[in-house]
Amino acid sequence: MGFRRRREDDNEATWRVPYSSPSAKCKIVSGMAQEVTIQPLARQNRYNEIVADILEHGARHGNVMLGIWYGILEGIGILSVITNAFVIAVTSDFIPRLVYAYKYGPCAGQGKAGQKCMIGYVNASLSVFLVTDFEQRSEPYSNGSDSFGTEVEYCRYRDYREPPHSKEPYAYTLQFWHVLAARLAFIIVFEHLVFSIKNLIAYLIPDLPKDLRDRMRREKYLIQEMMYEAELERLHKERNERKRNGKGSNNEWP
């Protein structure tokens, strides 16, 4: 029984060896390359493959070697949440639509939103540009009369800017700042929501099983005991040398 316990104690240090399998490294790098895009399912599948490789390698060799990759995966997960929050806020159209429905549409101030509340949204999301305001290097080749029969004076573009005949031509409107504030608010709410769910799952499912945590504590205890025994043996040797040299003292310990 003692020999078996000693073999288990000697093998406990192997579970913390850093995982350096080439396949896992390759998947880590390819997973990091996907962080700049919004591909949550593909990314999650990539991480599942990484963890599966680690567990399979650990089961084959009798140890679990997550090691330094845990911090890397944690950082990639945080970066992916922030990246996806910005991508959704900047590229999606639902935030400007909500701002229009609750602030500028027919249902503004009524606390409701629906299909009827979006009447006029396309017109409100397009700004007016005077064709004569084009710079010389950007002037069109034709005034549009050959295509539309009459000269084109104005064109529309997607932005929130003042009309050309206002006091501040082409300056950002108040609706632009409302949409920007809504985008930033969405980023903050999205990040806090995802991190809250992640922390809740991490609390309900601990990183280390109870038996593995007990093995870690036992390993720490054995290391401390070995250090104590080595120090005690060194002190005994020093005391014996002093006695042989006639330099013993009555106040020595132990």
Protein backbone atom coordinates (compact mmCIF):
# COMPACT_ATOMS: atom_id res chain seq x y z
CA MET A 1 0.00 0.00 0.00
CA GLY A 2 2.85 2.34 0.90
CA PHE A 3 4.63 1.64 -2.39
CA ARG A 4 1.43 2.36 -4.34
CA ARG A 5 0.89 5.62 -2.48
CA ARG A 6 4.47 6.65 -3.20
CA ARG A 7 4.06 5.96 -6.94
CA GLU A 8 0.88 8.08 -7.01
CA ASP A 9 2.67 10.90 -5.18
CA ASP A 10 5.59 10.76 -7.60
CA ASN A 11 3.25 10.92 -10.59
CA GLU A 12 1.15 13.82 -9.33
CA ALA A 13 3.56 16.46 -10.60
CA THR A 14 3.05 15.39 -14.23
CA TRP A 15 -0.50 16.77 -14.58
CA ARG A 16 0.76 20.36 -14.61
CA VAL A 17 3.17 19.96 -17.53
CA PRO A 18 2.29 22.59 -20.23
CA TYR A 19 0.39 21.14 -23.17
CA SER A 20 2.50 21.59 -26.28
CA SER A 21 0.91 19.29 -28.84
CA PRO A 22 1.40 20.66 -32.39
CA SER A 23 -2.24 19.97 -33.24
CA ALA A 24 -3.43 22.04 -30.28
CA LYS A 25 -1.04 24.88 -31.20
CA CYS A 26 -2.33 24.87 -34.76
CA LYS A 27 -5.93 25.03 -33.60
CA ILE A 28 -5.11 27.82 -31.14
CA VAL A 29 -3.61 29.94 -33.91
CA SER A 30 -6.45 29.25 -36.33
CA GLY A 31 -8.95 30.03 -33.58
CA MET A 32 -7.27 33.38 -32.95
CA ALA A 33 -7.52 34.19 -36.67
CA GLN A 34 -11.28 33.78 -36.50
CA GLU A 35 -11.69 36.29 -33.66
CA VAL A 36 -11.92 39.25 -36.03
CA THR A 37 -15.09 37.86 -37.60
CA ILE A 38 -18.48 37.11 -36.11
CA GLN A 39 -18.45 33.32 -36.27
CA PRO A 40 -19.48 32.20 -32.77
CA LEU A 41 -20.49 28.67 -33.72
CA ALA A 42 -17.33 27.96 -35.72
CA ARG A 43 -15.19 29.47 -32.98
CA GLN A 44 -16.91 27.48 -30.24
CA ASN A 45 -16.45 24.31 -32.28
CA ARG A 46 -12.74 25.12 -32.63
CA TYR A 47 -12.37 25.53 -28.87
CA ASN A 48 -14.25 22.30 -28.25
CA GLU A 49 -11.77 20.50 -30.52
CA ILE A 50 -8.85 22.01 -28.60
CA VAL A 51 -10.21 20.91 -25.25
CA ALA A 52 -11.07 17.47 -26.63
CA ASP A 53 -7.49 17.05 -27.89
CA ILE A 54 -6.13 18.05 -24.50
CA LEU A 55 -8.39 15.65 -22.61
CA GLU A 56 -7.69 12.83 -25.07
CA HIS A 57 -3.95 13.35 -24.75
CA GLY A 58 -4.26 13.47 -20.97
CA ALA A 59 -6.34 10.29 -20.84
CA ARG A 60 -3.86 8.48 -23.08
CA HIS A 61 -0.88 9.40 -20.91
CA GLY A 62 -2.63 9.35 -17.55
CA ASN A 63 -2.58 13.11 -16.94
CA VAL A 64 -4.41 16.34 -17.78
CA MET A 65 -2.07 18.99 -19.19
CA LEU A 66 -4.03 22.20 -19.79
CA GLY A 67 -1.16 24.28 -18.42
CA ILE A 68 -0.50 27.73 -19.80
CA TRP A 69 -3.12 27.38 -22.57
CA TYR A 70 -5.90 28.07 -20.06
CA GLY A 71 -4.90 31.75 -19.81
CA ILE A 72 -4.57 32.02 -23.58
CA LEU A 73 -8.04 30.57 -24.15
CA GLU A 74 -9.46 32.87 -21.48
CA GLY A 75 -7.95 35.91 -23.20
CA ILE A 76 -9.23 34.79 -26.61
CA GLY A 77 -12.73 34.37 -25.18
CA ILE A 78 -12.73 37.90 -23.72
CA LEU A 79 -11.41 39.34 -26.98
CA SER A 80 -14.08 37.51 -28.98
CA VAL A 81 -16.88 38.94 -26.81
CA ILE A 82 -15.59 42.50 -27.20
CA THR A 83 -15.05 42.04 -30.95
CA ASN A 84 -18.51 40.61 -31.52
CA ALA A 85 -20.10 43.39 -29.46
CA PHE A 86 -18.46 46.05 -31.66
CA VAL A 87 -19.29 44.19 -34.88
CA ILE A 88 -22.96 43.82 -33.96
CA ALA A 89 -23.25 47.43 -32.76
CA VAL A 90 -21.55 48.97 -35.79
CA THR A 91 -22.79 46.81 -38.66
CA SER A 92 -26.33 45.87 -37.61
CA ASP A 93 -29.33 48.02 -38.47
CA PHE A 94 -31.56 47.21 -35.53
CA ILE A 95 -30.07 49.90 -33.25
CA PRO A 96 -30.81 52.82 -35.63
CA ARG A 97 -34.26 51.36 -36.22
CA LEU A 98 -34.97 51.24 -32.48
CA VAL A 99 -33.75 54.82 -32.05
CA TYR A 100 -36.02 55.97 -34.87
CA ALA A 101 -39.01 54.00 -33.61
CA TYR A 102 -38.83 55.33 -30.04
CA LYS A 103 -37.48 58.84 -30.69
CA TYR A 104 -38.21 60.10 -34.21
CA GLY A 105 -40.91 57.91 -35.76
CA PRO A 106 -44.70 58.21 -35.70
CA CYS A 107 -44.77 56.39 -32.34
CA ALA A 108 -42.13 58.61 -30.69
CA GLY A 109 -42.85 59.18 -27.03
CA GLN A 110 -45.54 56.49 -26.87
CA GLY A 111 -43.27 53.75 -25.49
CA LYS A 112 -44.08 51.25 -28.22
CA ALA A 113 -42.60 50.05 -31.49
CA GLY A 114 -44.09 48.17 -34.42
CA GLN A 115 -44.34 48.06 -38.18
CA LYS A 116 -46.35 51.28 -38.32
CA CYS A 117 -43.75 53.04 -36.17
CA MET A 118 -41.10 52.54 -38.90
CA ILE A 119 -42.89 54.65 -41.50
CA GLY A 120 -40.39 57.17 -42.91
CA TYR A 121 -37.32 55.39 -41.55
CA VAL A 122 -35.56 55.09 -44.92
CA ASN A 123 -36.03 58.79 -45.64
CA ALA A 124 -34.78 59.73 -42.16
CA SER A 125 -31.68 57.56 -42.54
CA LEU A 126 -30.63 59.27 -45.80
CA SER A 127 -29.03 62.70 -45.96
CA VAL A 128 -29.17 65.19 -48.83
CA PHE A 129 -26.10 66.27 -50.81
CA LEU A 130 -25.97 69.13 -53.29
CA VAL A 131 -24.32 67.97 -56.49
CA THR A 132 -22.60 71.32 -57.02
CA ASP A 133 -20.75 70.83 -53.73
CA PHE A 134 -18.62 68.07 -55.19
CA GLU A 135 -14.91 68.79 -55.20
CA GLN A 136 -13.31 69.18 -58.59
CA ARG A 137 -11.57 65.82 -58.39
CA SER A 138 -14.85 64.12 -57.42
CA GLU A 139 -17.20 65.73 -59.91
CA PRO A 140 -19.28 63.24 -61.93
CA TYR A 141 -18.71 62.98 -65.68
CA SER A 142 -22.36 63.76 -66.42
CA ASN A 143 -25.09 65.83 -64.77
CA GLY A 144 -27.55 62.95 -65.19
CA SER A 145 -29.63 64.50 -67.95
CA ASP A 146 -28.72 61.72 -70.36
CA SER A 147 -30.11 59.10 -67.98
CA PHE A 148 -33.00 60.89 -66.24
CA GLY A 149 -33.90 63.53 -68.81
CA THR A 150 -33.26 66.41 -66.41
CA GLU A 151 -30.24 67.67 -64.56
CA VAL A 152 -29.72 66.04 -61.15
CA GLU A 153 -29.35 68.65 -58.41
CA TYR A 154 -29.40 66.49 -55.27
CA CYS A 155 -28.37 62.98 -54.29
CA ARG A 156 -29.06 60.97 -51.16
CA TYR A 157 -26.55 59.01 -49.06
CA ARG A 158 -26.80 56.98 -45.87
CA ASP A 159 -25.79 59.21 -42.95
CA TYR A 160 -27.21 61.59 -40.37
CA ARG A 161 -26.10 65.08 -41.53
CA GLU A 162 -27.65 68.49 -41.92
CA PRO A 163 -28.96 69.51 -45.37
CA PRO A 164 -26.74 71.72 -47.58
CA HIS A 165 -28.80 74.89 -47.01
CA SER A 166 -28.78 74.75 -43.19
CA LYS A 167 -26.71 76.99 -40.88
CA GLU A 168 -24.08 74.22 -40.55
CA PRO A 169 -24.12 72.28 -43.85
CA TYR A 170 -23.36 68.59 -43.59
CA ALA A 171 -22.81 68.70 -39.82
CA TYR A 172 -23.90 65.72 -37.74
CA THR A 173 -27.52 65.85 -36.62
CA LEU A 174 -28.83 65.10 -33.16
CA GLN A 175 -30.09 61.75 -34.44
CA PHE A 176 -26.50 60.73 -35.22
CA TRP A 177 -25.43 61.28 -31.62
CA HIS A 178 -28.48 59.42 -30.33
CA VAL A 179 -27.62 56.42 -32.53
CA LEU A 180 -23.96 56.55 -31.44
CA ALA A 181 -24.95 56.64 -27.77
CA ALA A 182 -27.29 53.70 -28.34
CA ARG A 183 -24.50 51.70 -30.00
CA LEU A 184 -22.12 52.32 -27.09
CA ALA A 185 -24.85 51.41 -24.61
CA PHE A 186 -25.49 48.16 -26.49
CA ILE A 187 -21.76 47.29 -26.35
CA ILE A 188 -21.67 47.80 -22.59
CA VAL A 189 -24.89 45.86 -21.96
CA PHE A 190 -23.86 43.04 -24.30
CA GLU A 191 -20.44 42.61 -22.67
CA HIS A 192 -21.82 42.68 -19.13
CA LEU A 193 -24.55 40.21 -20.02
CA VAL A 194 -22.18 37.72 -21.65
CA PHE A 195 -19.56 38.01 -18.89
CA SER A 196 -22.26 37.62 -16.23
CA ILE A 197 -23.51 34.40 -17.84
CA LYS A 198 -19.94 33.18 -18.22
CA ASN A 199 -19.11 33.88 -14.57
CA LEU A 200 -22.34 32.19 -13.47
CA ILE A 201 -21.51 29.05 -15.45
CA ALA A 202 -17.93 29.13 -14.12
CA TYR A 203 -19.30 29.33 -10.57
CA LEU A 204 -21.73 26.46 -11.09
CA ILE A 205 -19.13 24.29 -12.88
CA PRO A 206 -15.73 24.57 -11.14
CA ASP A 207 -12.54 24.39 -13.20
CA LEU A 208 -11.02 21.64 -11.06
CA PRO A 209 -12.83 18.52 -9.81
CA LYS A 210 -12.75 17.88 -6.07
CA ASP A 211 -10.40 14.89 -6.35
CA LEU A 212 -7.95 16.89 -8.47
CA ARG A 213 -8.04 19.76 -5.98
CA ASP A 214 -7.30 17.31 -3.17
CA ARG A 215 -4.34 15.95 -5.15
CA MET A 216 -3.02 19.48 -5.59
CA ARG A 217 -3.24 20.12 -1.87
CA ARG A 218 -1.53 16.84 -1.12
CA GLU A 219 1.25 17.66 -3.58
CA LYS A 220 1.76 21.04 -1.93
CA TYR A 221 1.86 19.38 1.48
CA LEU A 222 4.45 16.81 0.28
CA ILE A 223 6.64 19.56 -1.17
CA GLN A 224 6.55 21.47 2.10
CA GLU A 225 7.35 18.31 4.03
CA MET A 226 10.30 17.53 1.75
CA MET A 227 11.64 21.06 2.16
CA TYR A 228 11.30 20.79 5.93
CA GLU A 229 13.08 17.44 6.04
CA ALA A 230 15.89 18.74 3.81
CA GLU A 231 16.38 21.79 6.03
CA LEU A 232 16.30 19.65 9.16
CA GLU A 233 18.90 17.29 7.68
CA ARG A 234 21.13 20.23 6.80
CA LEU A 235 20.94 21.55 10.35
CA HIS A 236 21.82 18.11 11.75
CA LYS A 237 24.87 17.92 9.49
CA GLU A 238 26.03 21.38 10.53
CA ARG A 239 25.63 20.52 14.21
CA ASN A 240 27.57 17.26 13.81
CA GLU A 241 30.38 19.09 11.98
CA ARG A 242 30.58 21.69 14.73
CA LYS A 243 30.76 18.97 17.38
CA ARG A 244 33.58 17.24 15.52
CA ASN A 245 35.43 20.54 15.27
CA GLY A 246 34.86 21.35 18.96
CA LYS A 247 32.65 24.35 18.20
CA GLY A 248 29.42 23.02 19.65
CA SER A 249 27.02 25.34 21.47
CA ASN A 250 24.43 24.64 24.14
CA ASN A 251 21.88 26.89 22.40
CA GLU A 252 21.80 24.98 19.12
CA TRP A 253 18.55 23.71 17.63
CA PRO A 254 17.35 21.07 17.50
